[in-house]
Protein backbone atom coordinates (compact mmCIF):
# COMPACT_ATOMS: atom_id res chain seq x y z
CA MET A 1 28.64 -133.34 -80.09
CA LEU A 2 25.47 -131.36 -80.13
CA THR A 3 25.26 -131.66 -76.33
CA HIS A 4 28.73 -130.21 -75.91
CA LEU A 5 27.89 -127.25 -78.11
CA LYS A 6 24.73 -126.38 -76.07
CA TYR A 7 26.86 -126.49 -72.87
CA TYR A 8 29.40 -124.03 -74.19
CA LEU A 9 26.76 -121.71 -75.46
CA THR A 10 25.04 -121.69 -72.07
CA ILE A 11 28.30 -120.81 -70.29
CA TYR A 12 29.03 -118.00 -72.81
CA THR A 13 25.51 -116.53 -72.33
CA VAL A 14 25.80 -116.56 -68.54
CA ASP A 15 29.24 -114.88 -68.67
CA ARG A 16 28.04 -112.17 -71.01
CA SER A 17 25.01 -111.50 -68.74
CA ARG A 18 27.27 -111.17 -65.68
CA ASN A 19 29.57 -108.81 -67.47
CA SER A 20 26.64 -106.66 -68.71
CA GLN A 21 25.19 -106.37 -65.15
CA ALA A 22 28.62 -105.47 -63.77
CA GLY A 23 28.97 -102.62 -66.37
CA PHE A 24 25.56 -101.18 -65.39
CA SER A 25 26.08 -101.36 -61.63
CA MET A 26 29.17 -99.24 -61.61
CA PRO A 27 27.63 -96.04 -63.09
CA LEU A 28 24.58 -96.57 -60.88
CA ALA A 29 26.70 -96.70 -57.72
CA VAL A 30 28.63 -93.62 -58.76
CA GLY A 31 25.43 -91.73 -59.50
CA MET A 32 23.85 -92.62 -56.18
CA GLY A 33 27.02 -91.49 -54.42
CA LEU A 34 26.85 -88.10 -56.12
CA VAL A 35 23.20 -87.71 -55.18
CA MET A 36 23.94 -88.50 -51.60
CA MET A 37 26.85 -85.98 -51.62
CA ILE A 38 24.53 -83.27 -53.06
CA VAL A 39 21.84 -84.06 -50.42
CA VAL A 40 24.40 -83.88 -47.65
CA ALA A 41 25.92 -80.67 -48.99
CA SER A 42 22.42 -79.12 -49.40
CA THR A 43 21.44 -80.11 -45.84
CA ILE A 44 24.65 -78.57 -44.50
CA GLY A 45 24.11 -75.41 -46.49
CA ARG A 46 20.46 -75.11 -45.42
CA SER A 47 21.49 -75.69 -41.78
CA GLN A 48 24.09 -72.94 -42.05
CA SER A 49 21.60 -70.63 -43.77
CA ASP A 50 18.91 -71.41 -41.12
CA ARG A 51 21.47 -70.72 -38.33
CA ALA A 52 22.43 -67.38 -39.99
CA THR A 53 18.75 -66.43 -40.39
CA THR A 54 18.01 -67.36 -36.75
CA ASN A 55 21.05 -65.30 -35.58
CA SER A 56 19.97 -62.34 -37.77
CA GLN A 57 16.39 -62.53 -36.47
CA ARG A 58 17.60 -62.71 -32.93
CA GLU A 59 19.84 -59.64 -33.30
CA THR A 60 16.96 -57.81 -35.09
CA ASN A 61 14.69 -58.56 -32.14
CA ARG A 62 17.42 -57.38 -29.78
CA SER A 63 17.80 -54.10 -31.55
CA LEU A 64 14.00 -53.66 -31.55
CA ASN A 65 14.01 -54.27 -27.80
CA VAL A 66 16.74 -51.64 -27.44
CA ALA A 67 14.65 -49.11 -29.33
CA GLU A 68 11.63 -49.92 -27.27
CA ALA A 69 13.65 -49.44 -24.06
CA GLY A 70 14.73 -46.05 -25.46
CA VAL A 71 11.02 -45.17 -26.01
CA THR A 72 10.29 -46.01 -22.34
CA ARG A 73 13.21 -43.82 -21.17
CA PHE A 74 12.11 -40.96 -23.47
CA GLN A 75 8.56 -41.11 -22.12
CA SER A 76 9.87 -41.05 -18.54
CA PHE A 77 11.92 -37.95 -19.37
CA LEU A 78 8.83 -36.18 -20.86
CA ASP A 79 6.84 -37.07 -17.69
CA ARG A 80 9.38 -35.10 -15.69
CA HIS A 81 9.68 -32.23 -18.16
CA GLN A 82 6.18 -31.87 -19.50
CA LEU A 83 6.68 -28.35 -20.80
CA LEU A 84 8.84 -29.88 -23.56
CA ALA A 85 6.19 -32.34 -24.62
CA THR A 86 4.40 -29.75 -26.78
CA LYS A 87 7.61 -28.47 -28.40
CA ASN A 88 9.44 -29.81 -31.39
CA LEU A 89 12.93 -31.22 -30.59
CA SER A 90 14.55 -28.32 -32.42
CA ASP A 91 12.93 -25.86 -30.00
CA TRP A 92 13.89 -27.62 -26.76
CA SER A 93 17.23 -25.80 -26.08
CA ASN A 94 15.63 -22.32 -26.43
CA THR A 95 12.66 -23.35 -24.28
CA ILE A 96 14.99 -24.43 -21.50
CA ASP A 97 17.31 -21.43 -21.76
CA PHE A 98 14.48 -18.92 -21.58
CA LEU A 99 12.23 -20.43 -18.95
CA PRO A 100 10.07 -17.93 -17.02
CA ALA A 101 11.17 -17.39 -13.45
CA PRO A 102 8.44 -19.52 -11.83
CA GLN A 103 9.63 -22.48 -13.95
CA ALA A 104 13.36 -21.94 -13.87
CA GLY A 105 13.69 -22.60 -10.15
CA CYS A 106 11.01 -25.24 -9.90
CA ARG A 107 11.71 -28.65 -8.43
CA LEU A 108 9.34 -30.12 -11.02
CA ILE A 109 12.03 -29.71 -13.71
CA ASP A 110 15.66 -30.72 -13.57
CA ARG A 111 17.09 -27.95 -15.68
CA PRO A 112 20.66 -29.36 -16.01
CA LEU A 113 19.32 -32.76 -16.98
CA ALA A 114 16.87 -31.20 -19.42
CA ARG A 115 19.59 -29.19 -21.09
CA ASN A 116 21.93 -32.27 -21.27
CA ARG A 117 19.26 -34.54 -22.79
CA SER A 118 18.11 -31.82 -25.19
CA GLU A 119 21.70 -31.57 -26.57
CA LEU A 120 22.12 -35.34 -26.85
CA PHE A 121 18.78 -35.82 -28.60
CA ALA A 122 19.24 -32.77 -31.00
CA ASN A 123 22.76 -33.86 -31.93
CA LYS A 124 21.61 -37.49 -32.49
CA ILE A 125 24.13 -38.85 -30.01
CA TRP A 126 23.92 -42.63 -29.33
CA ILE A 127 23.08 -43.32 -25.72
CA ASP A 128 24.10 -46.62 -24.12
CA LEU A 129 21.42 -48.56 -22.26
CA ASP A 130 24.04 -49.67 -19.80
CA PRO A 131 27.44 -47.84 -19.88
CA ILE A 132 28.97 -50.71 -17.98
CA ASP A 133 27.78 -53.44 -20.31
CA LEU A 134 27.88 -52.15 -23.87
CA ARG A 135 26.56 -55.46 -25.22
CA LYS A 136 23.05 -54.39 -24.13
CA GLY A 137 22.99 -51.89 -27.00
CA ARG A 138 22.30 -48.25 -27.45
CA TYR A 139 19.54 -45.96 -28.76
CA GLN A 140 19.35 -42.64 -30.67
CA ILE A 141 16.63 -40.03 -30.76
CA VAL A 142 16.23 -39.35 -34.53
CA ASP A 143 13.50 -36.70 -34.14
CA TYR A 144 10.50 -35.56 -32.06
CA GLN A 145 7.68 -33.45 -33.54
CA TYR A 146 4.53 -32.18 -31.78
CA GLN A 147 1.24 -31.51 -33.51
CA ASN A 148 -2.41 -31.48 -32.45
CA GLY A 149 -1.96 -33.32 -29.18
CA ILE A 150 0.36 -35.98 -30.56
CA GLY A 151 4.16 -36.24 -30.05
CA LYS A 152 5.68 -38.24 -32.94
CA LEU A 153 8.95 -39.84 -31.83
CA THR A 154 11.42 -41.43 -34.27
CA ILE A 155 14.01 -43.53 -32.45
CA ALA A 156 16.67 -46.06 -33.45
CA GLY A 157 18.06 -48.98 -31.50
CA GLU A 158 21.35 -50.74 -32.25
CA ILE A 159 23.28 -53.86 -31.16
CA ASN A 160 26.95 -53.18 -31.72
CA ASN A 161 29.59 -55.70 -32.92
CA TYR A 162 31.64 -55.63 -29.67
CA ASN A 163 32.78 -59.24 -30.19
CA SER A 164 33.16 -61.53 -33.19
CA THR A 165 30.15 -63.74 -32.28
CA GLN A 166 27.61 -60.86 -32.44
CA THR A 167 25.95 -59.61 -35.57
CA LYS A 168 25.52 -55.85 -35.76
CA SER A 169 21.84 -54.90 -36.03
CA LYS A 170 19.94 -51.56 -36.20
CA ASN A 171 16.20 -50.88 -36.21
CA THR A 172 14.27 -47.60 -36.32
CA LEU A 173 10.78 -47.03 -34.92
CA THR A 174 8.21 -44.34 -35.08
CA VAL A 175 5.67 -44.06 -32.18
CA ASN A 176 2.87 -41.64 -31.46
CA ILE A 177 2.61 -40.42 -27.88
CA PRO A 178 -0.71 -38.74 -27.00
CA ILE A 179 -0.15 -35.67 -24.84
CA GLY A 180 -3.06 -35.11 -22.44
CA SER A 181 -4.28 -31.70 -21.27
CA GLU A 182 -5.59 -31.29 -17.77
CA VAL A 183 -6.70 -27.70 -18.38
CA ALA A 184 -8.97 -28.76 -21.23
CA ASN A 185 -10.93 -31.03 -18.84
CA ILE A 186 -11.65 -28.58 -16.05
CA ALA A 187 -13.73 -25.42 -15.58
CA PRO A 188 -11.86 -22.08 -15.82
CA PRO A 189 -10.31 -21.11 -12.45
CA ALA A 190 -12.27 -18.73 -10.21
CA LEU A 191 -8.97 -17.08 -9.26
CA TRP A 192 -5.84 -17.40 -11.46
CA THR A 193 -2.78 -15.54 -10.42
CA ASN A 194 1.03 -15.60 -10.47
CA THR A 195 1.34 -14.85 -6.72
CA ALA A 196 -1.25 -14.65 -3.99
CA ASN A 197 -1.57 -13.56 -0.38
CA LEU A 198 -5.11 -14.41 0.65
CA ASN A 199 -6.84 -13.41 3.90
CA PRO A 200 -7.83 -16.54 5.92
CA ASN A 201 -11.47 -15.36 5.50
CA GLN A 202 -11.18 -15.11 1.71
CA ARG A 203 -13.47 -17.70 0.26
CA ILE A 204 -13.26 -19.02 -3.29
CA THR A 205 -16.03 -21.19 -4.73
CA GLY A 206 -14.16 -23.01 -7.49
CA GLN A 207 -10.58 -23.59 -8.37
CA ILE A 208 -7.57 -21.45 -7.35
CA ARG A 209 -4.73 -21.75 -9.82
CA ALA A 210 -1.35 -20.18 -9.34
CA VAL A 211 1.62 -19.94 -11.72
CA SER A 212 3.84 -21.10 -8.90
CA CYS A 213 6.33 -23.89 -8.29
CA PRO A 214 4.86 -26.38 -5.75
CA GLN A 215 6.77 -26.31 -2.49
CA LEU A 216 7.80 -29.33 -0.48
CA PRO A 217 4.98 -30.71 1.73
CA ASN A 218 6.75 -29.73 4.93
CA ILE A 219 6.84 -26.13 3.73
CA ASP A 220 3.30 -25.66 2.44
CA LEU A 221 0.78 -28.47 2.18
CA ASP A 222 -1.21 -26.94 -0.64
CA GLY A 223 1.92 -26.17 -2.68
CA ILE A 224 1.34 -22.40 -2.98
CA THR A 225 2.68 -19.78 -0.59
CA GLY A 226 0.00 -17.34 0.50
CA ILE A 227 -2.96 -19.69 -0.14
CA ASP A 228 -4.46 -22.06 2.36
CA ALA A 229 -6.89 -24.95 1.94
CA ASN A 230 -9.38 -22.95 4.05
CA ASN A 231 -9.63 -20.45 1.21
CA ILE A 232 -11.69 -22.97 -0.78
CA GLU A 233 -15.36 -22.68 0.17
CA LEU A 234 -17.13 -25.70 1.47
CA VAL A 235 -20.49 -26.54 -0.17
CA SER A 236 -22.47 -29.01 2.00
CA GLY A 237 -19.30 -29.85 3.74
CA ILE A 238 -17.41 -30.68 0.52
CA PRO A 239 -14.67 -28.47 -0.99
CA SER A 240 -16.01 -26.63 -4.01
CA GLY A 241 -12.71 -26.71 -5.83
CA GLU A 242 -8.99 -27.31 -5.42
CA ILE A 243 -5.71 -25.46 -5.24
CA ILE A 244 -3.36 -26.09 -8.21
CA ALA A 245 0.22 -24.99 -8.39
CA ASP A 246 1.15 -25.04 -12.06
CA PRO A 247 4.27 -23.18 -13.27
CA PHE A 248 3.93 -24.62 -16.76
CA THR A 249 0.57 -23.07 -17.67
CA PRO A 250 0.80 -19.22 -17.67
CA ILE A 251 -2.24 -16.96 -17.46
CA PRO A 252 -3.41 -16.43 -21.02
CA ALA A 253 -1.98 -13.23 -22.62
CA PRO A 254 -4.06 -10.06 -22.84
CA ARG A 255 -6.61 -9.93 -25.62
CA THR A 256 -6.42 -7.23 -28.29
CA ALA A 257 -9.45 -5.21 -29.26
CA PRO A 258 -10.74 -5.98 -32.77
CA VAL A 259 -10.31 -3.34 -35.44
CA ASN A 260 -14.06 -2.60 -35.40
CA ALA A 261 -14.17 -2.06 -31.59
CA ILE A 262 -16.43 0.90 -30.60
CA TYR A 263 -14.54 3.86 -28.98
CA LEU A 264 -15.71 4.53 -25.46
CA PRO A 265 -14.54 7.27 -23.02
CA ALA A 266 -13.29 6.22 -19.65
CA ILE A 267 -16.07 4.85 -17.48
CA THR A 268 -16.36 7.18 -14.53
CA SER A 269 -20.12 7.29 -14.06
CA SER A 270 -23.10 4.98 -14.18
CA ILE A 271 -23.58 3.40 -17.62
CA ILE A 272 -25.64 0.83 -19.41
CA LEU A 273 -24.13 -1.16 -22.26
CA PRO A 274 -24.83 -1.24 -25.09
CA ARG A 275 -25.80 2.39 -24.79
CA PRO A 276 -29.53 2.98 -25.35
CA SER A 277 -30.45 5.01 -28.44
CA SER A 278 -26.88 4.86 -29.70
CA ILE A 279 -25.21 3.69 -32.81
CA ASP A 280 -23.44 0.86 -31.04
CA LEU A 281 -23.50 -2.17 -33.28
CA PRO A 282 -22.68 -5.79 -32.42
CA ASP A 283 -20.40 -8.07 -34.44
CA ALA A 284 -21.46 -11.11 -36.48
CA ASN A 285 -21.79 -13.10 -33.19
CA ASN A 286 -24.01 -10.45 -31.66
CA GLU A 287 -21.32 -9.30 -29.23
CA TYR A 288 -20.43 -5.69 -28.49
CA HIS A 289 -16.75 -4.70 -28.36
CA TYR A 290 -15.57 -1.41 -26.79
CA LEU A 291 -12.12 0.10 -26.60
CA VAL A 292 -12.14 2.10 -23.37
CA GLU A 293 -9.93 5.26 -23.26
CA LEU A 294 -8.07 6.73 -20.31
CA ASP A 295 -9.69 9.27 -18.01
CA ASN A 296 -6.54 11.35 -17.98
CA PRO A 297 -2.81 10.59 -18.38
CA SER A 298 -1.95 11.18 -14.71
CA SER A 299 -4.70 8.89 -13.35
CA ASN A 300 -4.26 6.24 -16.05
CA HIS A 301 -7.70 4.66 -15.42
CA SER A 302 -10.08 3.20 -17.95
CA ILE A 303 -12.59 2.40 -15.29
CA LYS A 304 -12.76 4.58 -12.12
CA LEU A 305 -15.88 4.38 -9.97
CA GLN A 306 -15.81 6.96 -7.17
CA ASP A 307 -16.84 5.96 -3.65
CA ILE A 308 -19.28 8.81 -3.22
CA ASP A 309 -21.33 7.95 -6.31
CA ARG A 310 -21.99 4.19 -5.84
CA ILE A 311 -21.86 3.76 -9.62
CA GLU A 312 -23.66 1.06 -11.52
CA LEU A 313 -22.19 -0.55 -14.63
CA ASN A 314 -24.79 -2.82 -16.21
CA VAL A 315 -25.25 -4.86 -19.38
CA THR A 316 -28.64 -5.12 -20.98
CA PRO A 317 -30.02 -8.64 -20.31
CA GLY A 318 -29.37 -10.95 -23.18
CA GLN A 319 -26.39 -8.99 -24.53
CA LYS A 320 -22.69 -9.77 -24.37
CA VAL A 321 -20.24 -6.89 -23.83
CA ASN A 322 -16.44 -6.95 -24.11
CA LEU A 323 -14.43 -4.03 -22.68
CA TYR A 324 -10.81 -3.66 -23.78
CA LEU A 325 -9.04 -1.23 -21.39
CA LYS A 326 -6.12 1.06 -22.11
CA GLY A 327 -5.48 1.63 -18.38
CA ASN A 328 -6.25 0.54 -14.76
CA ILE A 329 -9.46 -0.63 -13.04
CA ASP A 330 -10.91 0.97 -9.91
CA LEU A 331 -14.21 -0.62 -8.80
CA ALA A 332 -13.96 0.72 -5.24
CA GLY A 333 -16.94 3.02 -5.62
CA SER A 334 -19.23 0.62 -7.41
CA LYS A 335 -22.56 -0.43 -6.13
CA THR A 336 -23.23 -3.06 -8.75
CA VAL A 337 -21.46 -4.28 -11.84
CA ASN A 338 -23.66 -6.22 -14.24
CA ILE A 339 -25.94 -7.81 -11.65
CA ASN A 340 -28.59 -8.55 -14.32
CA ALA A 341 -26.87 -11.71 -15.44
CA ALA A 342 -26.44 -15.03 -13.74
CA ARG A 343 -23.44 -15.77 -15.93
CA PRO A 344 -20.64 -13.30 -16.82
CA ASN A 345 -21.78 -11.77 -20.03
CA LEU A 346 -19.53 -8.77 -19.23
CA ARG A 347 -15.82 -9.38 -19.98
CA ILE A 348 -13.26 -6.85 -18.84
CA TYR A 349 -9.93 -7.37 -20.57
CA GLY A 350 -6.88 -5.51 -19.33
CA SER A 351 -3.93 -4.57 -21.49
CA LEU A 352 -0.17 -4.35 -20.91
CA GLN A 353 -0.90 -0.97 -19.30
CA THR A 354 -3.50 -2.39 -16.93
CA THR A 355 -1.27 -2.83 -13.88
CA ARG A 356 -3.65 -2.12 -10.99
CA LEU A 357 -7.03 -3.48 -9.90
CA ILE A 358 -8.92 -2.03 -6.91
CA ILE A 359 -12.01 -3.66 -5.51
CA LYS A 360 -13.93 -2.96 -2.30
CA ASP A 361 -16.20 -5.55 -0.84
CA THR A 362 -19.11 -3.09 -1.02
CA ALA A 363 -19.96 -4.09 -4.56
CA THR A 364 -21.69 -7.01 -6.13
CA ILE A 365 -19.95 -7.88 -9.46
CA THR A 366 -20.88 -10.41 -12.18
CA ALA A 367 -18.05 -10.31 -14.68
CA PHE A 368 -14.95 -11.99 -15.95
CA ILE A 369 -11.91 -9.83 -15.22
CA HIS A 370 -8.84 -10.70 -17.22
CA ALA A 371 -5.88 -8.46 -16.43
CA PRO A 372 -2.73 -10.64 -16.35
CA PHE A 373 -0.44 -7.66 -15.60
CA ALA A 374 -2.60 -6.10 -12.88
CA ASP A 375 -1.88 -6.31 -9.15
CA ALA A 376 -5.05 -6.53 -7.06
CA GLN A 377 -3.77 -5.11 -3.74
CA SER A 378 -6.32 -2.70 -2.48
CA ILE A 379 -9.00 -5.09 -1.28
CA SER A 380 -10.28 -2.89 1.52
CA SER A 381 -12.55 -3.99 4.36
CA THR A 382 -16.14 -3.02 5.34
CA PRO A 383 -18.80 -4.81 7.50
CA PRO A 384 -19.26 -8.28 5.94
CA ASN A 385 -22.27 -8.74 3.62
CA PRO A 386 -22.84 -12.20 2.18
CA SER A 387 -24.64 -10.72 -0.79
CA LYS A 388 -21.55 -8.82 -1.89
CA ASN A 389 -19.27 -10.93 -4.02
CA ILE A 390 -17.70 -11.48 -7.41
CA THR A 391 -19.50 -14.00 -9.61
CA GLY A 392 -17.46 -15.10 -12.62
CA ALA A 393 -13.69 -15.13 -12.31
CA VAL A 394 -10.62 -12.87 -11.73
CA TRP A 395 -7.32 -13.60 -13.48
CA VAL A 396 -4.61 -11.17 -12.43
CA ASN A 397 -0.86 -11.01 -11.90
CA SER A 398 -1.24 -10.92 -8.08
CA TRP A 399 -4.04 -10.94 -5.48
CA ASP A 400 -3.47 -9.61 -1.98
CA SER A 401 -6.44 -9.56 0.42
CA ILE A 402 -4.34 -10.16 3.56
CA THR A 403 -5.11 -6.70 5.02
CA SER A 404 -8.87 -6.97 4.55
CA LEU A 405 -10.68 -7.82 7.77
CA ASN A 406 -13.69 -9.19 5.92
CA GLU A 407 -14.07 -11.64 3.09
CA LEU A 408 -14.74 -10.83 -0.55
CA PRO A 409 -16.00 -14.12 -1.95
CA ILE A 410 -15.36 -15.15 -5.56
CA ILE A 411 -17.88 -17.58 -7.01
CA GLN A 412 -16.84 -19.26 -10.26
CA ALA A 413 -19.39 -19.07 -12.97
CA GLY A 414 -19.10 -19.49 -16.72
CA ASN A 415 -17.02 -21.65 -19.07
CA TRP A 416 -14.21 -21.00 -21.48
CA ALA A 417 -16.60 -19.85 -24.19
CA ASP A 418 -18.28 -17.42 -21.75
CA PHE A 419 -14.90 -15.90 -21.00
CA GLY A 420 -13.88 -15.64 -24.66
CA ILE A 421 -10.54 -17.37 -23.96
CA SER A 422 -9.21 -20.48 -25.70
CA LYS A 423 -8.15 -23.40 -23.54
CA PRO A 424 -4.40 -23.37 -22.98
CA GLU A 425 -2.61 -26.12 -24.86
CA GLN A 426 -0.35 -27.21 -22.07
CA PRO A 427 0.42 -30.85 -21.23
CA SER A 428 -0.47 -32.50 -17.94
CA GLN A 429 0.25 -36.15 -18.63
CA ILE A 430 2.08 -38.39 -21.08
CA ASN A 431 -0.32 -41.10 -22.26
CA PRO A 432 0.41 -44.62 -23.50
CA ILE A 433 1.67 -45.01 -27.05
CA SER A 434 -1.16 -45.02 -29.58
CA TYR A 435 0.80 -46.03 -32.68
CA TRP A 436 3.96 -48.13 -33.25
CA GLN A 437 5.74 -48.82 -36.58
CA ARG A 438 9.10 -50.24 -37.63
CA ILE A 439 10.82 -48.28 -40.37
CA GLU A 440 12.30 -50.47 -43.08
CA GLY A 441 15.91 -49.90 -44.18
């Protein structure tokens, strides 16, 4: 009896254990299924998120590439139209519409293209990289500002949603473009003029610079009508300078006499400056400034040296003298002008009324003559004398020595500081980008 009871108890215990295990396994299986579903859903979600991020990053990179392509095209445009490189974008239209005559007809500037681009840039018009394939994107010039040798360009690039598989993306960059200055790296020209007609024997030791549009090579090899490569003096068989046609760098404007300039009658006889035993006083830089009056209204000369007198105009060694003229210059009768100096410590500044310069090759002159409105046309001939020349520089509206049978050499001497003229801030080259930044937002 006892044996039967143990048997039934054993069977009951085993059945209860099986039922208990079955009740635990069911929730466990359901839980594991839920976990697997969550993992799968999470994996799918992450995959979709990663794909979206990848697509977004790809489109962002594409719009950045578009903006960079726009920068390259903008730099190329500035290379062709360098006179705009030192102007703010808001000033471009006026600059193009009021170009001086030497620039307006110059082949170095495409005026219709410059005007078209200026309008597109100023109005922030989007420009397609490829008008045939719009999927390549487009760019927009947001702004361009110039200051202290740096052009700051702000440009946007955009990939447009031209089909449902593309994500629209836009990026904006700022880049700094250094604007180089050729003039700042060279000595002042020996002869600087708007137009020239040089005698074949006219010799210039130094640079000849003309505000002229370079001509095609088959018209004039040196690029300037009236000037020939033979006009540059050879020193030990090597040219002493070069001929530069530059319509974008005008001759510096006339200088104005300071308010404390000393009044001086027209110079018509020999004179030493500063005047001995006078009350002439220098400025804080130990320079003398003279405002030179007219000899008479009909003659309109501030300097007139008669042939018969062989006049000397000299500066005391060690002194610096600036003459600001009200009228014209006639050095035809001079014997010497400031021969006491190896460098031009005499500066002769013409005014708007200084429209004529006369020089005979009988004089030896050491001076800087700056008369941007004067025509030097009476360069008369006498027997050649190698000791007779101009040492310094002459900057005038025009120079015509074609009728002179003998040369009147000009030997460049002095630097910008010696001439009292600031270096022109005109561009000569567009340099590689010095700064690049993406604008957020």
